[in-house]
C-alpha atoms as a PDB file:
ATOM      1  CA  MET A   1      48.131 139.033 -37.541  1.00  0.00           C
ATOM      2  CA  GLU A   2      47.067 135.759 -38.859  1.00  0.00           C
ATOM      3  CA  PHE A   3      49.089 134.616 -42.461  1.00  0.00           C
ATOM      4  CA  HIS A   4      46.893 133.959 -45.610  1.00  0.00           C
ATOM      5  CA  GLY A   5      49.647 134.312 -48.478  1.00  0.00           C
ATOM      6  CA  PHE A   6      51.202 136.707 -49.998  1.00  0.00           C
ATOM      7  CA  SER A   7      48.788 139.120 -52.177  1.00  0.00           C
ATOM      8  CA  LYS A   8      48.867 138.112 -56.248  1.00  0.00           C
ATOM      9  CA  LYS A   9      50.235 141.884 -56.281  1.00  0.00           C
ATOM     10  CA  SER A  10      53.415 141.594 -54.344  1.00  0.00           C
ATOM     11  CA  LEU A  11      55.689 139.205 -57.176  1.00  0.00           C
ATOM     12  CA  PRO A  12      54.599 142.067 -59.120  1.00  0.00           C
ATOM     13  CA  PHE A  13      55.662 144.925 -57.042  1.00  0.00           C
ATOM     14  CA  LEU A  14      58.719 143.212 -56.604  1.00  0.00           C
ATOM     15  CA  GLU A  15      59.030 143.853 -60.575  1.00  0.00           C
ATOM     16  CA  ALA A  16      58.416 147.079 -60.538  1.00  0.00           C
ATOM     17  CA  ILE A  17      61.085 148.201 -58.026  1.00  0.00           C
ATOM     18  CA  ARG A  18      63.348 146.406 -60.658  1.00  0.00           C
ATOM     19  CA  LYS A  19      62.188 148.831 -63.359  1.00  0.00           C
ATOM     20  CA  ASN A  20      62.035 151.872 -60.802  1.00  0.00           C
ATOM     21  CA  ASN A  21      65.045 151.203 -58.513  1.00  0.00           C
ATOM     22  CA  ASN A  22      65.827 154.381 -56.916  1.00  0.00           C
ATOM     23  CA  LYS A  23      64.955 155.457 -53.584  1.00  0.00           C
ATOM     24  CA  GLU A  24      62.364 158.163 -55.093  1.00  0.00           C
ATOM     25  CA  TRP A  25      60.248 156.252 -56.447  1.00  0.00           C
ATOM     26  CA  PHE A  26      59.983 153.544 -53.071  1.00  0.00           C
ATOM     27  CA  GLU A  27      59.171 156.214 -50.722  1.00  0.00           C
ATOM     28  CA  ALA A  28      56.519 157.401 -53.373  1.00  0.00           C
ATOM     29  CA  HIS A  29      55.272 153.514 -52.927  1.00  0.00           C
ATOM     30  CA  LYS A  30      56.334 152.743 -49.305  1.00  0.00           C
ATOM     31  CA  ASN A  31      52.316 152.111 -48.417  1.00  0.00           C
ATOM     32  CA  GLU A  32      52.638 149.728 -51.541  1.00  0.00           C
ATOM     33  CA  TYR A  33      55.834 147.719 -49.828  1.00  0.00           C
ATOM     34  CA  GLU A  34      54.476 148.299 -46.328  1.00  0.00           C
ATOM     35  CA  GLU A  35      50.627 146.333 -47.737  1.00  0.00           C
ATOM     36  CA  LEU A  36      52.311 143.718 -49.890  1.00  0.00           C
ATOM     37  CA  ILE A  37      55.485 142.802 -48.314  1.00  0.00           C
ATOM     38  CA  LEU A  38      56.434 143.995 -45.076  1.00  0.00           C
ATOM     39  CA  ASN A  39      53.436 143.293 -43.479  1.00  0.00           C
ATOM     40  CA  PRO A  40      52.326 139.386 -44.885  1.00  0.00           C
ATOM     41  CA  SER A  41      56.169 138.675 -43.826  1.00  0.00           C
ATOM     42  CA  ARG A  42      55.794 139.746 -40.598  1.00  0.00           C
ATOM     43  CA  ALA A  43      52.715 137.501 -40.644  1.00  0.00           C
ATOM     44  CA  PHE A  44      54.620 134.746 -41.906  1.00  0.00           C
ATOM     45  CA  VAL A  45      57.561 134.903 -39.737  1.00  0.00           C
ATOM     46  CA  ALA A  46      54.957 135.030 -37.165  1.00  0.00           C
ATOM     47  CA  GLU A  47      52.992 131.715 -37.909  1.00  0.00           C
ATOM     48  CA  MET A  48      56.122 129.271 -39.711  1.00  0.00           C
ATOM     49  CA  GLY A  49      57.660 130.124 -36.445  1.00  0.00           C
ATOM     50  CA  GLU A  50      54.963 128.142 -34.164  1.00  0.00           C
ATOM     51  CA  HIS A  51      55.422 126.078 -36.924  1.00  0.00           C
ATOM     52  CA  LEU A  52      59.487 125.734 -36.852  1.00  0.00           C
ATOM     53  CA  GLN A  53      59.585 125.534 -33.388  1.00  0.00           C
ATOM     54  CA  ALA A  54      58.106 121.456 -33.493  1.00  0.00           C
ATOM     55  CA  LEU A  55      61.372 121.401 -34.917  1.00  0.00           C
ATOM     56  CA  VAL A  56      63.194 123.200 -32.900  1.00  0.00           C
ATOM     57  CA  PRO A  57      61.716 124.320 -30.054  1.00  0.00           C
ATOM     58  CA  THR A  58      64.765 127.150 -29.263  1.00  0.00           C
ATOM     59  CA  ILE A  59      64.442 128.715 -32.922  1.00  0.00           C
ATOM     60  CA  ASN A  60      64.640 132.743 -33.463  1.00  0.00           C
ATOM     61  CA  ALA A  61      61.492 133.729 -35.213  1.00  0.00           C
ATOM     62  CA  ILE A  62      61.311 137.519 -35.095  1.00  0.00           C
ATOM     63  CA  PRO A  63      59.026 139.612 -36.938  1.00  0.00           C
ATOM     64  CA  LYS A  64      61.324 142.575 -36.994  1.00  0.00           C
ATOM     65  CA  ILE A  65      64.061 143.880 -39.077  1.00  0.00           C
ATOM     66  CA  ASN A  66      67.168 143.188 -38.810  1.00  0.00           C
ATOM     67  CA  GLN A  67      65.772 140.217 -37.314  1.00  0.00           C
ATOM     68  CA  SER A  68      64.167 137.450 -38.972  1.00  0.00           C
ATOM     69  CA  LEU A  69      63.224 140.265 -41.996  1.00  0.00           C
ATOM     70  CA  PHE A  70      66.188 141.720 -43.514  1.00  0.00           C
ATOM     71  CA  ARG A  71      66.195 145.920 -44.703  1.00  0.00           C
ATOM     72  CA  ILE A  72      64.750 146.603 -48.162  1.00  0.00           C
ATOM     73  CA  TYR A  73      67.268 149.213 -48.454  1.00  0.00           C
ATOM     74  CA  ARG A  74      70.910 147.272 -49.945  1.00  0.00           C
ATOM     75  CA  ASP A  75      73.993 149.008 -48.621  1.00  0.00           C
ATOM     76  CA  THR A  76      75.316 150.028 -51.970  1.00  0.00           C
ATOM     77  CA  ARG A  77      79.164 150.964 -49.594  1.00  0.00           C
ATOM     78  CA  ARG A  78      79.973 147.622 -49.331  1.00  0.00           C
ATOM     79  CA  MET A  79      82.958 147.199 -52.199  1.00  0.00           C
ATOM     80  CA  GLY A  80      81.882 145.025 -55.407  1.00  0.00           C
ATOM     81  CA  SER A  81      78.246 145.206 -54.483  1.00  0.00           C
ATOM     82  CA  ASN A  82      74.923 145.184 -56.339  1.00  0.00           C
ATOM     83  CA  LYS A  83      74.688 149.301 -56.647  1.00  0.00           C
ATOM     84  CA  GLU A  84      70.773 149.200 -56.988  1.00  0.00           C
ATOM     85  CA  PRO A  85      69.578 150.951 -53.671  1.00  0.00           C
ATOM     86  CA  ILE A  86      66.538 149.019 -53.012  1.00  0.00           C
ATOM     87  CA  LYS A  87      66.220 144.752 -53.329  1.00  0.00           C
ATOM     88  CA  SER A  88      63.339 143.245 -55.207  1.00  0.00           C
ATOM     89  CA  ARG A  89      64.469 139.933 -53.655  1.00  0.00           C
ATOM     90  CA  ILE A  90      62.977 139.623 -50.326  1.00  0.00           C
ATOM     91  CA  GLY A  91      65.104 136.990 -47.480  1.00  0.00           C
ATOM     92  CA  ILE A  92      63.051 135.530 -44.260  1.00  0.00           C
ATOM     93  CA  ILE A  93      65.840 134.132 -41.609  1.00  0.00           C
ATOM     94  CA  PHE A  94      64.808 131.601 -38.636  1.00  0.00           C
ATOM     95  CA  TRP A  95      68.152 131.060 -37.031  1.00  0.00           C
ATOM     96  CA  GLN A  96      68.924 128.924 -33.948  1.00  0.00           C
ATOM     97  CA  GLY A  97      70.971 130.203 -30.817  1.00  0.00           C
ATOM     98  CA  ASN A  98      72.901 133.485 -30.177  1.00  0.00           C
ATOM     99  CA  SER A  99      75.129 133.901 -32.335  1.00  0.00           C
ATOM    100  CA  LYS A 100      74.770 136.629 -35.452  1.00  0.00           C
ATOM    101  CA  ARG A 101      72.615 134.996 -37.836  1.00  0.00           C
ATOM    102  CA  LEU A 102      73.985 134.089 -40.416  1.00  0.00           C
ATOM    103  CA  GLN A 103      76.555 132.821 -39.000  1.00  0.00           C
ATOM    104  CA  SER A 104      74.502 129.989 -36.896  1.00  0.00           C
ATOM    105  CA  SER A 105      72.321 127.178 -38.516  1.00  0.00           C
ATOM    106  CA  SER A 106      68.919 128.728 -40.036  1.00  0.00           C
ATOM    107  CA  PHE A 107      66.047 127.512 -41.777  1.00  0.00           C
ATOM    108  CA  TYR A 108      66.315 130.665 -44.696  1.00  0.00           C
ATOM    109  CA  LEU A 109      64.200 131.772 -47.716  1.00  0.00           C
ATOM    110  CA  HIS A 110      64.253 134.446 -50.265  1.00  0.00           C
ATOM    111  CA  PHE A 111      61.403 135.073 -53.311  1.00  0.00           C
ATOM    112  CA  SER A 112      61.692 137.258 -56.184  1.00  0.00           C
ATOM    113  CA  PRO A 113      59.608 137.715 -59.071  1.00  0.00           C
ATOM    114  CA  ASP A 114      62.349 135.038 -60.362  1.00  0.00           C
ATOM    115  CA  GLU A 115      61.917 132.101 -57.634  1.00  0.00           C
ATOM    116  CA  LEU A 116      61.202 131.133 -54.235  1.00  0.00           C
ATOM    117  CA  LEU A 117      64.247 129.478 -52.711  1.00  0.00           C
ATOM    118  CA  VAL A 118      64.304 127.668 -49.322  1.00  0.00           C
ATOM    119  CA  ALA A 119      67.792 126.707 -47.668  1.00  0.00           C
ATOM    120  CA  VAL A 120      68.731 125.114 -44.481  1.00  0.00           C
ATOM    121  CA  GLY A 121      72.674 125.365 -42.835  1.00  0.00           C
ATOM    122  CA  VAL A 122      75.036 128.805 -43.137  1.00  0.00           C
ATOM    123  CA  ARG A 123      75.777 129.784 -46.836  1.00  0.00           C
ATOM    124  CA  TRP A 124      79.242 131.139 -45.917  1.00  0.00           C
ATOM    125  CA  PHE A 125      81.186 130.502 -43.378  1.00  0.00           C
ATOM    126  CA  GLU A 126      83.502 133.313 -41.694  1.00  0.00           C
ATOM    127  CA  LYS A 127      86.924 132.391 -40.197  1.00  0.00           C
ATOM    128  CA  PRO A 128      85.580 131.702 -36.563  1.00  0.00           C
ATOM    129  CA  LEU A 129      82.934 129.452 -38.014  1.00  0.00           C
ATOM    130  CA  LEU A 130      85.185 127.612 -40.773  1.00  0.00           C
ATOM    131  CA  ASP A 131      87.530 127.087 -37.838  1.00  0.00           C
ATOM    132  CA  ALA A 132      84.791 124.890 -35.416  1.00  0.00           C
ATOM    133  CA  TYR A 133      83.510 123.618 -38.503  1.00  0.00           C
ATOM    134  CA  ARG A 134      87.251 121.419 -40.059  1.00  0.00           C
ATOM    135  CA  GLU A 135      87.556 121.138 -35.856  1.00  0.00           C
ATOM    136  CA  TYR A 136      84.748 119.164 -35.554  1.00  0.00           C
ATOM    137  CA  ILE A 137      85.195 117.466 -38.488  1.00  0.00           C
ATOM    138  CA  GLN A 138      88.886 116.138 -37.728  1.00  0.00           C
ATOM    139  CA  GLU A 139      86.617 113.318 -36.302  1.00  0.00           C
ATOM    140  CA  GLN A 140      86.114 110.042 -38.673  1.00  0.00           C
ATOM    141  CA  SER A 141      82.628 109.390 -37.758  1.00  0.00           C
ATOM    142  CA  LYS A 142      81.784 112.691 -38.014  1.00  0.00           C
ATOM    143  CA  ARG A 143      82.715 113.547 -41.224  1.00  0.00           C
ATOM    144  CA  VAL A 144      81.507 110.462 -42.466  1.00  0.00           C
ATOM    145  CA  GLU A 145      78.340 111.171 -40.734  1.00  0.00           C
ATOM    146  CA  LEU A 146      77.476 114.352 -42.463  1.00  0.00           C
ATOM    147  CA  GLU A 147      78.910 112.879 -46.386  1.00  0.00           C
ATOM    148  CA  GLU A 148      76.230 110.882 -45.896  1.00  0.00           C
ATOM    149  CA  ILE A 149      74.100 113.149 -44.745  1.00  0.00           C
ATOM    150  CA  LEU A 150      74.509 114.997 -47.454  1.00  0.00           C
ATOM    151  CA  SER A 151      74.006 112.455 -49.923  1.00  0.00           C
ATOM    152  CA  LYS A 152      70.623 111.401 -48.955  1.00  0.00           C
ATOM    153  CA  LEU A 153      69.661 114.890 -49.218  1.00  0.00           C
ATOM    154  CA  SER A 154      70.936 114.945 -52.517  1.00  0.00           C
ATOM    155  CA  ALA A 155      68.821 111.850 -53.683  1.00  0.00           C
ATOM    156  CA  CYS A 156      65.586 113.403 -52.499  1.00  0.00           C
ATOM    157  CA  GLY A 157      66.013 116.281 -54.957  1.00  0.00           C
ATOM    158  CA  TYR A 158      68.039 118.845 -52.829  1.00  0.00           C
ATOM    159  CA  GLU A 159      70.391 120.803 -54.268  1.00  0.00           C
ATOM    160  CA  LEU A 160      74.407 121.271 -52.559  1.00  0.00           C
ATOM    161  CA  LEU A 161      76.745 124.197 -52.060  1.00  0.00           C
ATOM    162  CA  PRO A 162      79.812 123.070 -54.630  1.00  0.00           C
ATOM    163  CA  HIS A 163      83.285 122.518 -53.117  1.00  0.00           C
ATOM    164  CA  GLY A 164      85.007 126.022 -52.296  1.00  0.00           C
ATOM    165  CA  TYR A 165      88.304 125.355 -52.351  1.00  0.00           C
ATOM    166  CA  LYS A 166      90.614 122.706 -53.937  1.00  0.00           C
ATOM    167  CA  ARG A 167      93.494 122.188 -51.797  1.00  0.00           C
ATOM    168  CA  PHE A 168      92.923 120.094 -48.342  1.00  0.00           C
ATOM    169  CA  PRO A 169      93.751 122.734 -45.787  1.00  0.00           C
ATOM    170  CA  LYS A 170      95.510 121.375 -42.682  1.00  0.00           C
ATOM    171  CA  GLY A 171      95.195 118.283 -41.133  1.00  0.00           C
ATOM    172  CA  PHE A 172      93.157 116.427 -44.189  1.00  0.00           C
ATOM    173  CA  ASP A 173      94.517 114.929 -47.187  1.00  0.00           C
ATOM    174  CA  SER A 174      93.026 112.883 -50.035  1.00  0.00           C
ATOM    175  CA  HIS A 175      93.314 109.646 -47.671  1.00  0.00           C
ATOM    176  CA  MET A 176      91.151 109.952 -45.702  1.00  0.00           C
ATOM    177  CA  PRO A 177      87.634 108.977 -45.778  1.00  0.00           C
ATOM    178  CA  SER A 178      85.147 111.398 -46.038  1.00  0.00           C
ATOM    179  CA  ALA A 179      87.880 114.130 -46.445  1.00  0.00           C
ATOM    180  CA  GLN A 180      86.119 116.358 -49.205  1.00  0.00           C
ATOM    181  CA  MET A 181      84.211 117.379 -46.625  1.00  0.00           C
ATOM    182  CA  SER A 182      86.859 119.930 -45.581  1.00  0.00           C
ATOM    183  CA  LEU A 183      86.262 121.473 -49.124  1.00  0.00           C
ATOM    184  CA  PHE A 184      83.609 123.201 -48.232  1.00  0.00           C
ATOM    185  CA  LYS A 185      83.289 126.984 -47.752  1.00  0.00           C
ATOM    186  CA  GLY A 186      79.799 126.782 -46.335  1.00  0.00           C
ATOM    187  CA  MET A 187      77.714 123.830 -45.238  1.00  0.00           C
ATOM    188  CA  ALA A 188      73.457 124.065 -46.865  1.00  0.00           C
ATOM    189  CA  ALA A 189      70.917 122.567 -48.942  1.00  0.00           C
ATOM    190  CA  ILE A 190      69.065 124.112 -51.274  1.00  0.00           C
ATOM    191  CA  LYS A 191      65.102 123.392 -52.791  1.00  0.00           C
ATOM    192  CA  SER A 192      64.100 126.280 -55.574  1.00  0.00           C
ATOM    193  CA  LEU A 193      60.483 126.867 -56.371  1.00  0.00           C
ATOM    194  CA  GLU A 194      57.593 128.367 -58.188  1.00  0.00           C
ATOM    195  CA  PRO A 195      57.743 131.596 -56.711  1.00  0.00           C
ATOM    196  CA  GLU A 196      53.415 132.151 -56.636  1.00  0.00           C
ATOM    197  CA  LEU A 197      53.741 129.624 -54.072  1.00  0.00           C
ATOM    198  CA  ILE A 198      53.971 133.021 -52.230  1.00  0.00           C
ATOM    199  CA  GLU A 199      50.547 133.464 -52.855  1.00  0.00           C
ATOM    200  CA  ASP A 200      48.669 130.319 -51.354  1.00  0.00           C
ATOM    201  CA  GLY A 201      49.584 130.653 -47.383  1.00  0.00           C
ATOM    202  CA  GLU A 202      48.245 127.209 -46.493  1.00  0.00           C
ATOM    203  CA  LYS A 203      50.693 125.339 -49.067  1.00  0.00           C
ATOM    204  CA  LEU A 204      53.324 127.234 -48.160  1.00  0.00           C
ATOM    205  CA  LEU A 205      53.700 126.662 -44.897  1.00  0.00           C
ATOM    206  CA  VAL A 206      52.904 122.904 -45.481  1.00  0.00           C
ATOM    207  CA  THR A 207      55.754 122.676 -48.156  1.00  0.00           C
ATOM    208  CA  LEU A 208      58.123 124.231 -46.458  1.00  0.00           C
ATOM    209  CA  TYR A 209      57.777 122.822 -43.436  1.00  0.00           C
ATOM    210  CA  LYS A 210      58.200 119.165 -45.305  1.00  0.00           C
ATOM    211  CA  ILE A 211      61.496 120.407 -46.416  1.00  0.00           C
ATOM    212  CA  TYR A 212      62.730 121.887 -43.434  1.00  0.00           C
ATOM    213  CA  GLU A 213      62.022 118.661 -41.608  1.00  0.00           C
ATOM    214  CA  ASP A 214      63.618 117.063 -44.098  1.00  0.00           C
ATOM    215  CA  MET A 215      66.528 118.933 -43.781  1.00  0.00           C
ATOM    216  CA  LEU A 216      66.565 119.385 -39.909  1.00  0.00           C
ATOM    217  CA  PRO A 217      69.872 116.440 -39.664  1.00  0.00           C
ATOM    218  CA  LEU A 218      72.061 119.034 -41.635  1.00  0.00           C
ATOM    219  CA  HIS A 219      70.266 121.610 -39.113  1.00  0.00           C
ATOM    220  CA  GLU A 220      71.665 119.748 -36.472  1.00  0.00           C
ATOM    221  CA  ILE A 221      75.271 119.965 -37.288  1.00  0.00           C
ATOM    222  CA  MET A 222      75.549 123.028 -38.099  1.00  0.00           C
ATOM    223  CA  TYR A 223      73.994 124.191 -34.971  1.00  0.00           C
ATOM    224  CA  THR A 224      75.978 121.690 -32.719  1.00  0.00           C
ATOM    225  CA  ILE A 225      78.628 123.517 -35.348  1.00  0.00           C
ATOM    226  CA  SER A 226      77.812 126.769 -34.451  1.00  0.00           C
ATOM    227  CA  LEU A 227      78.684 126.286 -30.260  1.00  0.00           C
ATOM    228  CA  LYS A 228      82.084 125.863 -30.602  1.00  0.00           C
ATOM    229  CA  VAL A 229      82.943 128.904 -32.721  1.00  0.00           C
ATOM    230  CA  LYS A 230      85.825 130.260 -30.210  1.00  0.00           C
ATOM    231  CA  GLU A 231      85.008 133.869 -29.394  1.00  0.00           C
ATOM    232  CA  ASP A 232      87.659 136.916 -29.340  1.00  0.00           C
END
């Protein structure tokens, strides 16, 4: 199935989910979900995945739910989570490696009626990846290299995650060059775009490829770090 972009009805459908966020309404509009969201998402994953293979030949681009596609139903059992049962924000992920998709460096995007957000990296570190990250940046040259990559991305207009910690972890202090690299809870670069871009398939693919190409050096470092995760 060739990707030509999402329908002009896709964003209004997501807005309708917000206004009618219950399983009964959604089940009655399941065909619209499949036509306007699910099927074009699958086609997008297949098409974008082929493009991304030029950057990362081993990228995972699997057009299935719980693979490159996220479930439309929210897990409301989680403590403190959004209790609306249906998501009105559609996430898509391409990740590298055999580890969990959210704990391996990835090319990510989500779209809603509010924005199209594009990101590369890892949004938050679970402890095994956090340990691997800190071990990696113990070496000064690697901290400096990472900081230089982030500075270049910032200069190109990309947003970076803020420092998540205020105190330096064990093994780091303020006198070390680029010591602030140890304060991150996650490592990703982000770009926000107008959501209507999803309606122009060719322009969407070209725009995303350029962003992902710009962010590739960050992805490569984060993937290297993910390979150092020590499994229990």
